[in-house]
Amino acid sequence: MQEPTFFILTALVRTPLHGYGIMQSVEELSDGRVRLKAGTLYAALDRLTADGFIRVDREEAVGGRLRRYYVLSDDGRAELETAIARMESNARVAGARLRAHYA
């Protein structure tokens, strides 16, 4: 899983968010390492929706524009949990190898 996808899914764990809210949350969660541009974000949201990892929670009109709120689906939660387990396992392997090399 790519880092932007990981943080988009993570951003949607607690509450539904609209696009700009997701962008802000991703930047905050990544300590500024991941800054999504609108085009990149909306392409990712379309892909994640098509994959069933997120879904549209609701839509509302704000200032004549449609604001779409997204929420993490059960499949998205499972995918995020799988990614977390994989990262933890990879970190254990790397840490053990590093410690063994410099012991």
PDB file of N, CA and C in Angstrom:
ATOM      1  N   MET A   1       0.844  -1.175   0.000  1.00  0.00           N
ATOM      2  CA  MET A   1       0.000   0.000   0.000  1.00  0.00           C
ATOM      3  C   MET A   1       0.891   1.240   0.000  1.00  0.00           C
ATOM      4  N   GLN A   2       0.593   2.147  -0.881  1.00  0.00           N
ATOM      5  CA  GLN A   2       1.351   3.391  -0.962  1.00  0.00           C
ATOM      6  C   GLN A   2       1.042   4.280   0.255  1.00  0.00           C
ATOM      7  N   GLU A   3       1.999   5.086   0.635  1.00  0.00           N
ATOM      8  CA  GLU A   3       1.854   5.934   1.812  1.00  0.00           C
ATOM      9  C   GLU A   3       0.635   6.870   1.730  1.00  0.00           C
ATOM     10  N   PRO A   4       0.374   7.535   0.598  1.00  0.00           N
ATOM     11  CA  PRO A   4      -0.820   8.386   0.546  1.00  0.00           C
ATOM     12  C   PRO A   4      -2.112   7.603   0.804  1.00  0.00           C
ATOM     13  N   THR A   5      -2.225   6.418   0.238  1.00  0.00           N
ATOM     14  CA  THR A   5      -3.409   5.589   0.453  1.00  0.00           C
ATOM     15  C   THR A   5      -3.534   5.215   1.922  1.00  0.00           C
ATOM     16  N   PHE A   6      -2.425   4.824   2.533  1.00  0.00           N
ATOM     17  CA  PHE A   6      -2.409   4.476   3.954  1.00  0.00           C
ATOM     18  C   PHE A   6      -2.952   5.627   4.792  1.00  0.00           C
ATOM     19  N   PHE A   7      -2.490   6.834   4.514  1.00  0.00           N
ATOM     20  CA  PHE A   7      -2.927   7.980   5.312  1.00  0.00           C
ATOM     21  C   PHE A   7      -4.346   8.420   4.980  1.00  0.00           C
ATOM     22  N   ILE A   8      -4.797   8.246   3.753  1.00  0.00           N
ATOM     23  CA  ILE A   8      -6.197   8.556   3.426  1.00  0.00           C
ATOM     24  C   ILE A   8      -7.120   7.629   4.219  1.00  0.00           C
ATOM     25  N   LEU A   9      -6.833   6.338   4.207  1.00  0.00           N
ATOM     26  CA  LEU A   9      -7.653   5.390   4.961  1.00  0.00           C
ATOM     27  C   LEU A   9      -7.593   5.692   6.456  1.00  0.00           C
ATOM     28  N   THR A  10      -6.410   6.017   6.949  1.00  0.00           N
ATOM     29  CA  THR A  10      -6.249   6.351   8.362  1.00  0.00           C
ATOM     30  C   THR A  10      -7.047   7.599   8.727  1.00  0.00           C
ATOM     31  N   ALA A  11      -7.059   8.581   7.846  1.00  0.00           N
ATOM     32  CA  ALA A  11      -7.804   9.814   8.092  1.00  0.00           C
ATOM     33  C   ALA A  11      -9.294   9.548   8.263  1.00  0.00           C
ATOM     34  N   LEU A  12      -9.789   8.510   7.617  1.00  0.00           N
ATOM     35  CA  LEU A  12     -11.224   8.232   7.642  1.00  0.00           C
ATOM     36  C   LEU A  12     -11.634   7.246   8.741  1.00  0.00           C
ATOM     37  N   VAL A  13     -10.723   6.890   9.629  1.00  0.00           N
ATOM     38  CA  VAL A  13     -11.038   5.937  10.690  1.00  0.00           C
ATOM     39  C   VAL A  13     -12.068   6.509  11.669  1.00  0.00           C
ATOM     40  N   ARG A  14     -11.918   7.730  12.085  1.00  0.00           N
ATOM     41  CA  ARG A  14     -12.747   8.286  13.161  1.00  0.00           C
ATOM     42  C   ARG A  14     -14.074   8.872  12.699  1.00  0.00           C
ATOM     43  N   THR A  15     -14.057   9.564  11.576  1.00  0.00           N
ATOM     44  CA  THR A  15     -15.237  10.320  11.189  1.00  0.00           C
ATOM     45  C   THR A  15     -15.262  10.545   9.687  1.00  0.00           C
ATOM     46  N   PRO A  16     -16.441  10.698   9.092  1.00  0.00           N
ATOM     47  CA  PRO A  16     -16.496  11.042   7.667  1.00  0.00           C
ATOM     48  C   PRO A  16     -15.850  12.408   7.425  1.00  0.00           C
ATOM     49  N   LEU A  17     -15.144  12.520   6.321  1.00  0.00           N
ATOM     50  CA  LEU A  17     -14.488  13.773   5.956  1.00  0.00           C
ATOM     51  C   LEU A  17     -14.729  14.069   4.486  1.00  0.00           C
ATOM     52  N   HIS A  18     -14.746  15.348   4.150  1.00  0.00           N
ATOM     53  CA  HIS A  18     -14.787  15.764   2.746  1.00  0.00           C
ATOM     54  C   HIS A  18     -13.359  15.921   2.257  1.00  0.00           C
ATOM     55  N   GLY A  19     -13.207  16.151   0.972  1.00  0.00           N
ATOM     56  CA  GLY A  19     -11.884  16.171   0.348  1.00  0.00           C
ATOM     57  C   GLY A  19     -10.872  17.057   1.042  1.00  0.00           C
ATOM     58  N   TYR A  20     -11.228  18.314   1.295  1.00  0.00           N
ATOM     59  CA  TYR A  20     -10.274  19.226   1.918  1.00  0.00           C
ATOM     60  C   TYR A  20      -9.928  18.755   3.333  1.00  0.00           C
ATOM     61  N   GLY A  21     -10.910  18.221   4.056  1.00  0.00           N
ATOM     62  CA  GLY A  21     -10.657  17.688   5.393  1.00  0.00           C
ATOM     63  C   GLY A  21      -9.696  16.515   5.350  1.00  0.00           C
ATOM     64  N   ILE A  22      -9.832  15.672   4.330  1.00  0.00           N
ATOM     65  CA  ILE A  22      -8.914  14.543   4.161  1.00  0.00           C
ATOM     66  C   ILE A  22      -7.504  15.062   3.892  1.00  0.00           C
ATOM     67  N   MET A  23      -7.382  16.051   3.017  1.00  0.00           N
ATOM     68  CA  MET A  23      -6.057  16.621   2.713  1.00  0.00           C
ATOM     69  C   MET A  23      -5.385  17.140   3.978  1.00  0.00           C
ATOM     70  N   GLN A  24      -6.138  17.866   4.805  1.00  0.00           N
ATOM     71  CA  GLN A  24      -5.584  18.418   6.044  1.00  0.00           C
ATOM     72  C   GLN A  24      -5.196  17.302   7.015  1.00  0.00           C
ATOM     73  N   SER A  25      -6.063  16.311   7.156  1.00  0.00           N
ATOM     74  CA  SER A  25      -5.799  15.212   8.083  1.00  0.00           C
ATOM     75  C   SER A  25      -4.575  14.407   7.662  1.00  0.00           C
ATOM     76  N   VAL A  26      -4.455  14.123   6.368  1.00  0.00           N
ATOM     77  CA  VAL A  26      -3.298  13.377   5.861  1.00  0.00           C
ATOM     78  C   VAL A  26      -2.007  14.130   6.154  1.00  0.00           C
ATOM     79  N   GLU A  27      -2.008  15.427   5.920  1.00  0.00           N
ATOM     80  CA  GLU A  27      -0.803  16.218   6.192  1.00  0.00           C
ATOM     81  C   GLU A  27      -0.463  16.185   7.684  1.00  0.00           C
ATOM     82  N   GLU A  28      -1.475  16.297   8.530  1.00  0.00           N
ATOM     83  CA  GLU A  28      -1.246  16.270   9.975  1.00  0.00           C
ATOM     84  C   GLU A  28      -0.768  14.892  10.436  1.00  0.00           C
ATOM     85  N   LEU A  29      -1.441  13.837   9.996  1.00  0.00           N
ATOM     86  CA  LEU A  29      -1.070  12.475  10.407  1.00  0.00           C
ATOM     87  C   LEU A  29       0.340  12.095   9.972  1.00  0.00           C
ATOM     88  N   SER A  30       0.772  12.620   8.826  1.00  0.00           N
ATOM     89  CA  SER A  30       2.097  12.282   8.292  1.00  0.00           C
ATOM     90  C   SER A  30       3.170  13.276   8.723  1.00  0.00           C
ATOM     91  N   ASP A  31       2.834  14.152   9.648  1.00  0.00           N
ATOM     92  CA  ASP A  31       3.772  15.202  10.086  1.00  0.00           C
ATOM     93  C   ASP A  31       4.295  16.012   8.911  1.00  0.00           C
ATOM     94  N   GLY A  32       3.422  16.260   7.928  1.00  0.00           N
ATOM     95  CA  GLY A  32       3.775  17.098   6.788  1.00  0.00           C
ATOM     96  C   GLY A  32       4.508  16.383   5.671  1.00  0.00           C
ATOM     97  N   ARG A  33       4.797  15.093   5.833  1.00  0.00           N
ATOM     98  CA  ARG A  33       5.530  14.358   4.790  1.00  0.00           C
ATOM     99  C   ARG A  33       4.673  14.121   3.550  1.00  0.00           C
ATOM    100  N   VAL A  34       3.371  13.950   3.746  1.00  0.00           N
ATOM    101  CA  VAL A  34       2.475  13.684   2.622  1.00  0.00           C
ATOM    102  C   VAL A  34       1.532  14.861   2.465  1.00  0.00           C
ATOM    103  N   ARG A  35       1.673  15.547   1.340  1.00  0.00           N
ATOM    104  CA  ARG A  35       0.796  16.668   1.011  1.00  0.00           C
ATOM    105  C   ARG A  35       0.122  16.345  -0.308  1.00  0.00           C
ATOM    106  N   LEU A  36      -1.167  16.108  -0.241  1.00  0.00           N
ATOM    107  CA  LEU A  36      -1.917  15.697  -1.420  1.00  0.00           C
ATOM    108  C   LEU A  36      -2.412  16.908  -2.199  1.00  0.00           C
ATOM    109  N   LYS A  37      -2.245  16.869  -3.490  1.00  0.00           N
ATOM    110  CA  LYS A  37      -2.842  17.869  -4.366  1.00  0.00           C
ATOM    111  C   LYS A  37      -4.245  17.392  -4.695  1.00  0.00           C
ATOM    112  N   ALA A  38      -5.116  18.316  -5.040  1.00  0.00           N
ATOM    113  CA  ALA A  38      -6.523  17.989  -5.270  1.00  0.00           C
ATOM    114  C   ALA A  38      -6.686  16.890  -6.321  1.00  0.00           C
ATOM    115  N   GLY A  39      -5.994  16.990  -7.429  1.00  0.00           N
ATOM    116  CA  GLY A  39      -6.131  15.994  -8.489  1.00  0.00           C
ATOM    117  C   GLY A  39      -5.717  14.609  -8.035  1.00  0.00           C
ATOM    118  N   THR A  40      -4.629  14.542  -7.286  1.00  0.00           N
ATOM    119  CA  THR A  40      -4.144  13.267  -6.758  1.00  0.00           C
ATOM    120  C   THR A  40      -5.144  12.701  -5.756  1.00  0.00           C
ATOM    121  N   LEU A  41      -5.646  13.554  -4.872  1.00  0.00           N
ATOM    122  CA  LEU A  41      -6.598  13.102  -3.864  1.00  0.00           C
ATOM    123  C   LEU A  41      -7.858  12.543  -4.512  1.00  0.00           C
ATOM    124  N   TYR A  42      -8.451  13.292  -5.443  1.00  0.00           N
ATOM    125  CA  TYR A  42      -9.725  12.855  -6.002  1.00  0.00           C
ATOM    126  C   TYR A  42      -9.573  11.609  -6.877  1.00  0.00           C
ATOM    127  N   ALA A  43      -8.445  11.452  -7.515  1.00  0.00           N
ATOM    128  CA  ALA A  43      -8.182  10.202  -8.247  1.00  0.00           C
ATOM    129  C   ALA A  43      -8.091   9.039  -7.262  1.00  0.00           C
ATOM    130  N   ALA A  44      -7.418   9.252  -6.136  1.00  0.00           N
ATOM    131  CA  ALA A  44      -7.302   8.211  -5.112  1.00  0.00           C
ATOM    132  C   ALA A  44      -8.669   7.890  -4.507  1.00  0.00           C
ATOM    133  N   LEU A  45      -9.477   8.910  -4.239  1.00  0.00           N
ATOM    134  CA  LEU A  45     -10.809   8.679  -3.680  1.00  0.00           C
ATOM    135  C   LEU A  45     -11.678   7.877  -4.646  1.00  0.00           C
ATOM    136  N   ASP A  46     -11.593   8.196  -5.934  1.00  0.00           N
ATOM    137  CA  ASP A  46     -12.338   7.427  -6.937  1.00  0.00           C
ATOM    138  C   ASP A  46     -11.897   5.969  -6.943  1.00  0.00           C
ATOM    139  N   ARG A  47     -10.588   5.742  -6.887  1.00  0.00           N
ATOM    140  CA  ARG A  47     -10.045   4.378  -6.892  1.00  0.00           C
ATOM    141  C   ARG A  47     -10.438   3.623  -5.628  1.00  0.00           C
ATOM    142  N   LEU A  48     -10.315   4.271  -4.488  1.00  0.00           N
ATOM    143  CA  LEU A  48     -10.644   3.621  -3.218  1.00  0.00           C
ATOM    144  C   LEU A  48     -12.141   3.320  -3.113  1.00  0.00           C
ATOM    145  N   THR A  49     -12.965   4.181  -3.699  1.00  0.00           N
ATOM    146  CA  THR A  49     -14.405   3.930  -3.743  1.00  0.00           C
ATOM    147  C   THR A  49     -14.694   2.739  -4.650  1.00  0.00           C
ATOM    148  N   ALA A  50     -14.075   2.720  -5.812  1.00  0.00           N
ATOM    149  CA  ALA A  50     -14.273   1.607  -6.750  1.00  0.00           C
ATOM    150  C   ALA A  50     -13.796   0.281  -6.147  1.00  0.00           C
ATOM    151  N   ASP A  51     -12.723   0.326  -5.356  1.00  0.00           N
ATOM    152  CA  ASP A  51     -12.185  -0.878  -4.715  1.00  0.00           C
ATOM    153  C   ASP A  51     -13.017  -1.313  -3.504  1.00  0.00           C
ATOM    154  N   GLY A  52     -13.936  -0.456  -3.072  1.00  0.00           N
ATOM    155  CA  GLY A  52     -14.786  -0.781  -1.936  1.00  0.00           C
ATOM    156  C   GLY A  52     -14.165  -0.484  -0.581  1.00  0.00           C
ATOM    157  N   PHE A  53     -13.057   0.248  -0.545  1.00  0.00           N
ATOM    158  CA  PHE A  53     -12.380   0.551   0.717  1.00  0.00           C
ATOM    159  C   PHE A  53     -12.974   1.763   1.418  1.00  0.00           C
ATOM    160  N   ILE A  54     -13.602   2.651   0.668  1.00  0.00           N
ATOM    161  CA  ILE A  54     -14.319   3.787   1.240  1.00  0.00           C
ATOM    162  C   ILE A  54     -15.660   3.876   0.517  1.00  0.00           C
ATOM    163  N   ARG A  55     -16.568   4.642   1.113  1.00  0.00           N
ATOM    164  CA  ARG A  55     -17.843   4.895   0.452  1.00  0.00           C
ATOM    165  C   ARG A  55     -18.275   6.324   0.760  1.00  0.00           C
ATOM    166  N   VAL A  56     -19.167   6.827  -0.060  1.00  0.00           N
ATOM    167  CA  VAL A  56     -19.702   8.161   0.175  1.00  0.00           C
ATOM    168  C   VAL A  56     -20.696   8.061   1.323  1.00  0.00           C
ATOM    169  N   ASP A  57     -20.484   8.862   2.351  1.00  0.00           N
ATOM    170  CA  ASP A  57     -21.362   8.886   3.517  1.00  0.00           C
ATOM    171  C   ASP A  57     -22.556   9.796   3.256  1.00  0.00           C
ATOM    172  N   ARG A  58     -22.268  10.968   2.711  1.00  0.00           N
ATOM    173  CA  ARG A  58     -23.327  11.931   2.402  1.00  0.00           C
ATOM    174  C   ARG A  58     -22.775  13.006   1.491  1.00  0.00           C
ATOM    175  N   GLU A  59     -23.691  13.769   0.919  1.00  0.00           N
ATOM    176  CA  GLU A  59     -23.334  14.915   0.090  1.00  0.00           C
ATOM    177  C   GLU A  59     -24.152  16.107   0.567  1.00  0.00           C
ATOM    178  N   GLU A  60     -23.535  17.276   0.523  1.00  0.00           N
ATOM    179  CA  GLU A  60     -24.272  18.489   0.865  1.00  0.00           C
ATOM    180  C   GLU A  60     -23.798  19.623  -0.018  1.00  0.00           C
ATOM    181  N   ALA A  61     -24.706  20.522  -0.308  1.00  0.00           N
ATOM    182  CA  ALA A  61     -24.371  21.692  -1.121  1.00  0.00           C
ATOM    183  C   ALA A  61     -23.870  22.796  -0.194  1.00  0.00           C
ATOM    184  N   VAL A  62     -22.703  23.327  -0.518  1.00  0.00           N
ATOM    185  CA  VAL A  62     -22.101  24.406   0.255  1.00  0.00           C
ATOM    186  C   VAL A  62     -21.667  25.475  -0.731  1.00  0.00           C
ATOM    187  N   GLY A  63     -22.270  26.635  -0.640  1.00  0.00           N
ATOM    188  CA  GLY A  63     -21.901  27.728  -1.535  1.00  0.00           C
ATOM    189  C   GLY A  63     -22.106  27.372  -2.998  1.00  0.00           C
ATOM    190  N   GLY A  64     -23.134  26.606  -3.296  1.00  0.00           N
ATOM    191  CA  GLY A  64     -23.418  26.231  -4.674  1.00  0.00           C
ATOM    192  C   GLY A  64     -22.572  25.080  -5.204  1.00  0.00           C
ATOM    193  N   ARG A  65     -21.725  24.525  -4.358  1.00  0.00           N
ATOM    194  CA  ARG A  65     -20.882  23.393  -4.768  1.00  0.00           C
ATOM    195  C   ARG A  65     -21.228  22.177  -3.926  1.00  0.00           C
ATOM    196  N   LEU A  66     -21.097  21.032  -4.534  1.00  0.00           N
ATOM    197  CA  LEU A  66     -21.396  19.788  -3.844  1.00  0.00           C
ATOM    198  C   LEU A  66     -20.185  19.335  -3.036  1.00  0.00           C
ATOM    199  N   ARG A  67     -20.395  19.093  -1.755  1.00  0.00           N
ATOM    200  CA  ARG A  67     -19.335  18.592  -0.883  1.00  0.00           C
ATOM    201  C   ARG A  67     -19.680  17.142  -0.543  1.00  0.00           C
ATOM    202  N   ARG A  68     -18.772  16.245  -0.876  1.00  0.00           N
ATOM    203  CA  ARG A  68     -18.977  14.821  -0.667  1.00  0.00           C
ATOM    204  C   ARG A  68     -18.139  14.363   0.526  1.00  0.00           C
ATOM    205  N   TYR A  69     -18.780  13.690   1.468  1.00  0.00           N
ATOM    206  CA  TYR A  69     -18.101  13.164   2.640  1.00  0.00           C
ATOM    207  C   TYR A  69     -17.881  11.663   2.454  1.00  0.00           C
ATOM    208  N   TYR A  70     -16.685  11.215   2.793  1.00  0.00           N
ATOM    209  CA  TYR A  70     -16.306   9.819   2.634  1.00  0.00           C
ATOM    210  C   TYR A  70     -16.132   9.172   4.002  1.00  0.00           C
ATOM    211  N   VAL A  71     -16.356   7.871   4.048  1.00  0.00           N
ATOM    212  CA  VAL A  71     -16.201   7.106   5.277  1.00  0.00           C
ATOM    213  C   VAL A  71     -15.498   5.792   4.931  1.00  0.00           C
ATOM    214  N   LEU A  72     -14.760   5.274   5.887  1.00  0.00           N
ATOM    215  CA  LEU A  72     -14.061   4.000   5.728  1.00  0.00           C
ATOM    216  C   LEU A  72     -15.083   2.859   5.746  1.00  0.00           C
ATOM    217  N   SER A  73     -14.983   1.940   4.812  1.00  0.00           N
ATOM    218  CA  SER A  73     -15.869   0.776   4.781  1.00  0.00           C
ATOM    219  C   SER A  73     -15.254  -0.355   5.607  1.00  0.00           C
ATOM    220  N   ASP A  74     -16.017  -1.414   5.814  1.00  0.00           N
ATOM    221  CA  ASP A  74     -15.479  -2.577   6.528  1.00  0.00           C
ATOM    222  C   ASP A  74     -14.294  -3.179   5.775  1.00  0.00           C
ATOM    223  N   ASP A  75     -14.397  -3.236   4.441  1.00  0.00           N
ATOM    224  CA  ASP A  75     -13.276  -3.739   3.637  1.00  0.00           C
ATOM    225  C   ASP A  75     -12.058  -2.826   3.765  1.00  0.00           C
ATOM    226  N   GLY A  76     -12.292  -1.527   3.841  1.00  0.00           N
ATOM    227  CA  GLY A  76     -11.195  -0.576   4.017  1.00  0.00           C
ATOM    228  C   GLY A  76     -10.514  -0.741   5.358  1.00  0.00           C
ATOM    229  N   ARG A  77     -11.321  -0.974   6.406  1.00  0.00           N
ATOM    230  CA  ARG A  77     -10.757  -1.209   7.733  1.00  0.00           C
ATOM    231  C   ARG A  77      -9.885  -2.468   7.715  1.00  0.00           C
ATOM    232  N   ALA A  78     -10.377  -3.522   7.082  1.00  0.00           N
ATOM    233  CA  ALA A  78      -9.610  -4.772   6.991  1.00  0.00           C
ATOM    234  C   ALA A  78      -8.324  -4.553   6.203  1.00  0.00           C
ATOM    235  N   GLU A  79      -8.397  -3.800   5.112  1.00  0.00           N
ATOM    236  CA  GLU A  79      -7.200  -3.521   4.302  1.00  0.00           C
ATOM    237  C   GLU A  79      -6.186  -2.715   5.096  1.00  0.00           C
ATOM    238  N   LEU A  80      -6.654  -1.736   5.863  1.00  0.00           N
ATOM    239  CA  LEU A  80      -5.761  -0.929   6.698  1.00  0.00           C
ATOM    240  C   LEU A  80      -5.125  -1.791   7.784  1.00  0.00           C
ATOM    241  N   GLU A  81      -5.893  -2.659   8.406  1.00  0.00           N
ATOM    242  CA  GLU A  81      -5.332  -3.555   9.422  1.00  0.00           C
ATOM    243  C   GLU A  81      -4.270  -4.479   8.826  1.00  0.00           C
ATOM    244  N   THR A  82      -4.511  -4.970   7.616  1.00  0.00           N
ATOM    245  CA  THR A  82      -3.530  -5.820   6.929  1.00  0.00           C
ATOM    246  C   THR A  82      -2.251  -5.036   6.648  1.00  0.00           C
ATOM    247  N   ALA A  83      -2.393  -3.799   6.201  1.00  0.00           N
ATOM    248  CA  ALA A  83      -1.217  -2.956   5.911  1.00  0.00           C
ATOM    249  C   ALA A  83      -0.428  -2.686   7.181  1.00  0.00           C
ATOM    250  N   ILE A  84      -1.118  -2.424   8.278  1.00  0.00           N
ATOM    251  CA  ILE A  84      -0.442  -2.168   9.551  1.00  0.00           C
ATOM    252  C   ILE A  84       0.334  -3.407   9.996  1.00  0.00           C
ATOM    253  N   ALA A  85      -0.277  -4.573   9.908  1.00  0.00           N
ATOM    254  CA  ALA A  85       0.396  -5.816  10.302  1.00  0.00           C
ATOM    255  C   ALA A  85       1.631  -6.058   9.439  1.00  0.00           C
ATOM    256  N   ARG A  86       1.524  -5.782   8.140  1.00  0.00           N
ATOM    257  CA  ARG A  86       2.653  -5.964   7.222  1.00  0.00           C
ATOM    258  C   ARG A  86       3.788  -5.005   7.586  1.00  0.00           C
ATOM    259  N   MET A  87       3.452  -3.750   7.874  1.00  0.00           N
ATOM    260  CA  MET A  87       4.478  -2.765   8.249  1.00  0.00           C
ATOM    261  C   MET A  87       5.160  -3.158   9.557  1.00  0.00           C
ATOM    262  N   GLU A  88       4.360  -3.609  10.522  1.00  0.00           N
ATOM    263  CA  GLU A  88       4.939  -4.029  11.803  1.00  0.00           C
ATOM    264  C   GLU A  88       5.876  -5.213  11.620  1.00  0.00           C
ATOM    265  N   SER A  89       5.468  -6.170  10.809  1.00  0.00           N
ATOM    266  CA  SER A  89       6.305  -7.338  10.540  1.00  0.00           C
ATOM    267  C   SER A  89       7.595  -6.929   9.840  1.00  0.00           C
ATOM    268  N   ASN A  90       7.481  -6.073   8.850  1.00  0.00           N
ATOM    269  CA  ASN A  90       8.665  -5.593   8.126  1.00  0.00           C
ATOM    270  C   ASN A  90       9.609  -4.848   9.060  1.00  0.00           C
ATOM    271  N   ALA A  91       9.058  -4.041   9.962  1.00  0.00           N
ATOM    272  CA  ALA A  91       9.892  -3.293  10.901  1.00  0.00           C
ATOM    273  C   ALA A  91      10.616  -4.246  11.854  1.00  0.00           C
ATOM    274  N   ARG A  92       9.929  -5.304  12.297  1.00  0.00           N
ATOM    275  CA  ARG A  92      10.589  -6.293  13.178  1.00  0.00           C
ATOM    276  C   ARG A  92      11.750  -6.972  12.465  1.00  0.00           C
ATOM    277  N   VAL A  93      11.536  -7.369  11.215  1.00  0.00           N
ATOM    278  CA  VAL A  93      12.583  -8.040  10.438  1.00  0.00           C
ATOM    279  C   VAL A  93      13.781  -7.107  10.252  1.00  0.00           C
ATOM    280  N   ALA A  94      13.499  -5.871   9.848  1.00  0.00           N
ATOM    281  CA  ALA A  94      14.583  -4.908   9.623  1.00  0.00           C
ATOM    282  C   ALA A  94      15.324  -4.605  10.915  1.00  0.00           C
ATOM    283  N   GLY A  95      14.579  -4.412  12.012  1.00  0.00           N
ATOM    284  CA  GLY A  95      15.200  -4.126  13.297  1.00  0.00           C
ATOM    285  C   GLY A  95      16.081  -5.266  13.773  1.00  0.00           C
ATOM    286  N   ALA A  96      15.593  -6.501  13.632  1.00  0.00           N
ATOM    287  CA  ALA A  96      16.380  -7.664  14.047  1.00  0.00           C
ATOM    288  C   ALA A  96      17.652  -7.770  13.222  1.00  0.00           C
ATOM    289  N   ARG A  97      17.526  -7.557  11.944  1.00  0.00           N
ATOM    290  CA  ARG A  97      18.707  -7.647  11.071  1.00  0.00           C
ATOM    291  C   ARG A  97      19.720  -6.566  11.404  1.00  0.00           C
ATOM    292  N   LEU A  98      19.237  -5.380  11.648  1.00  0.00           N
ATOM    293  CA  LEU A  98      20.121  -4.257  11.989  1.00  0.00           C
ATOM    294  C   LEU A  98      20.822  -4.514  13.324  1.00  0.00           C
ATOM    295  N   ARG A  99      20.064  -4.956  14.310  1.00  0.00           N
ATOM    296  CA  ARG A  99      20.666  -5.235  15.624  1.00  0.00           C
ATOM    297  C   ARG A  99      21.698  -6.365  15.520  1.00  0.00           C
ATOM    298  N   ALA A 100      21.393  -7.386  14.746  1.00  0.00           N
ATOM    299  CA  ALA A 100      22.320  -8.521  14.594  1.00  0.00           C
ATOM    300  C   ALA A 100      23.606  -8.079  13.889  1.00  0.00           C
ATOM    301  N   HIS A 101      23.494  -7.195  12.933  1.00  0.00           N
ATOM    302  CA  HIS A 101      24.656  -6.740  12.187  1.00  0.00           C
ATOM    303  C   HIS A 101      25.583  -5.882  13.053  1.00  0.00           C
ATOM    304  N   TYR A 102      24.999  -5.058  13.922  1.00  0.00           N
ATOM    305  CA  TYR A 102      25.809  -4.146  14.722  1.00  0.00           C
ATOM    306  C   TYR A 102      25.991  -4.608  16.161  1.00  0.00           C
ATOM    307  N   ALA A 103      25.662  -5.862  16.444  1.00  0.00           N
ATOM    308  CA  ALA A 103      25.816  -6.380  17.814  1.00  0.00           C
ATOM    309  C   ALA A 103      27.250  -6.749  18.119  1.00  0.00           C
TER     310      ALA A 103
END
